[in-house]
Amino acid sequence: MDEAYKIAEQLEVPAFVVKDGTTTVIVGMYFNTKAKESVDDKVKRMIRGEVRTGNISVGSGN
């Protein structure tokens, strides 16, 4: 198993690994249990904002 995945598994927060060429990034996530909006609500709000400002593109992501 790749070293980055081993590190991500050892973190005490949810995490995932993103690789782009020779660059590897371990992304850890934190969720505030006292937040006023859920993760779903936050993501929907962010997407609506991107659509409103025109900063979103539709495609395969490649």
C-alpha atoms as a PDB file:
ATOM      1  CA  MET A   1       0.000   0.000   0.000  1.00  0.00           C
ATOM      2  CA  ASP A   2       1.210   3.505  -0.811  1.00  0.00           C
ATOM      3  CA  GLU A   3       2.724   5.497   2.093  1.00  0.00           C
ATOM      4  CA  ALA A   4       0.163   8.322   1.698  1.00  0.00           C
ATOM      5  CA  TYR A   5      -2.738   5.900   2.158  1.00  0.00           C
ATOM      6  CA  LYS A   6      -1.122   4.497   5.307  1.00  0.00           C
ATOM      7  CA  ILE A   7      -0.803   8.014   6.729  1.00  0.00           C
ATOM      8  CA  ALA A   8      -4.431   8.849   5.838  1.00  0.00           C
ATOM      9  CA  GLU A   9      -5.627   5.694   7.619  1.00  0.00           C
ATOM     10  CA  GLN A  10      -3.780   6.693  10.806  1.00  0.00           C
ATOM     11  CA  LEU A  11      -5.354  10.148  11.067  1.00  0.00           C
ATOM     12  CA  GLU A  12      -8.062  10.623  13.668  1.00  0.00           C
ATOM     13  CA  VAL A  13     -10.304  12.431  11.156  1.00  0.00           C
ATOM     14  CA  PRO A  14     -11.799  11.254   7.857  1.00  0.00           C
ATOM     15  CA  ALA A  15      -9.237  11.719   5.094  1.00  0.00           C
ATOM     16  CA  PHE A  16      -8.611  10.894   1.459  1.00  0.00           C
ATOM     17  CA  VAL A  17      -5.612  10.963  -0.868  1.00  0.00           C
ATOM     18  CA  VAL A  18      -5.425  12.981  -4.095  1.00  0.00           C
ATOM     19  CA  LYS A  19      -2.623  12.312  -6.590  1.00  0.00           C
ATOM     20  CA  ASP A  20      -1.774  14.506  -9.571  1.00  0.00           C
ATOM     21  CA  GLY A  21       1.351  13.426 -11.389  1.00  0.00           C
ATOM     22  CA  THR A  22       4.161  13.417  -8.840  1.00  0.00           C
ATOM     23  CA  THR A  23       2.203  15.453  -6.277  1.00  0.00           C
ATOM     24  CA  THR A  24       0.313  13.647  -3.502  1.00  0.00           C
ATOM     25  CA  VAL A  25      -2.000  15.499  -1.124  1.00  0.00           C
ATOM     26  CA  ILE A  26      -3.654  14.008   1.972  1.00  0.00           C
ATOM     27  CA  VAL A  27      -6.912  15.838   2.641  1.00  0.00           C
ATOM     28  CA  GLY A  28      -8.271  15.609   6.173  1.00  0.00           C
ATOM     29  CA  MET A  29     -11.834  16.644   6.987  1.00  0.00           C
ATOM     30  CA  TYR A  30     -13.322  18.144  10.111  1.00  0.00           C
ATOM     31  CA  PHE A  31     -17.028  18.444  10.814  1.00  0.00           C
ATOM     32  CA  ASN A  32     -18.271  20.785  13.504  1.00  0.00           C
ATOM     33  CA  THR A  33     -20.993  18.911  15.386  1.00  0.00           C
ATOM     34  CA  LYS A  34     -22.418  22.251  16.598  1.00  0.00           C
ATOM     35  CA  ALA A  35     -22.720  23.736  13.104  1.00  0.00           C
ATOM     36  CA  LYS A  36     -26.004  25.390  12.155  1.00  0.00           C
ATOM     37  CA  GLU A  37     -26.103  23.717   8.738  1.00  0.00           C
ATOM     38  CA  SER A  38     -25.445  20.130   7.691  1.00  0.00           C
ATOM     39  CA  VAL A  39     -22.725  19.089   5.274  1.00  0.00           C
ATOM     40  CA  ASP A  40     -25.413  18.557   2.620  1.00  0.00           C
ATOM     41  CA  ASP A  41     -26.784  22.065   3.160  1.00  0.00           C
ATOM     42  CA  LYS A  42     -23.302  23.573   2.977  1.00  0.00           C
ATOM     43  CA  VAL A  43     -22.415  21.774  -0.277  1.00  0.00           C
ATOM     44  CA  LYS A  44     -25.750  22.752  -1.847  1.00  0.00           C
ATOM     45  CA  ARG A  45     -25.182  26.380  -0.804  1.00  0.00           C
ATOM     46  CA  MET A  46     -21.680  26.340  -2.295  1.00  0.00           C
ATOM     47  CA  ILE A  47     -22.914  24.848  -5.580  1.00  0.00           C
ATOM     48  CA  ARG A  48     -25.732  27.400  -5.827  1.00  0.00           C
ATOM     49  CA  GLY A  49     -23.167  30.171  -5.307  1.00  0.00           C
ATOM     50  CA  GLU A  50     -20.918  28.778  -8.044  1.00  0.00           C
ATOM     51  CA  VAL A  51     -23.853  28.520 -10.461  1.00  0.00           C
ATOM     52  CA  ARG A  52     -24.953  32.069  -9.599  1.00  0.00           C
ATOM     53  CA  THR A  53     -21.488  33.501 -10.320  1.00  0.00           C
ATOM     54  CA  GLY A  54     -20.911  31.334 -13.400  1.00  0.00           C
ATOM     55  CA  ASN A  55     -17.836  29.626 -11.935  1.00  0.00           C
ATOM     56  CA  ILE A  56     -19.089  26.124 -12.619  1.00  0.00           C
ATOM     57  CA  SER A  57     -18.649  23.938 -15.675  1.00  0.00           C
ATOM     58  CA  VAL A  58     -20.487  20.772 -16.601  1.00  0.00           C
ATOM     59  CA  GLY A  59     -18.390  17.879 -17.775  1.00  0.00           C
ATOM     60  CA  SER A  60     -16.453  14.805 -16.817  1.00  0.00           C
ATOM     61  CA  GLY A  61     -13.969  16.739 -14.697  1.00  0.00           C
ATOM     62  CA  ASN A  62     -11.058  15.914 -16.984  1.00  0.00           C
END
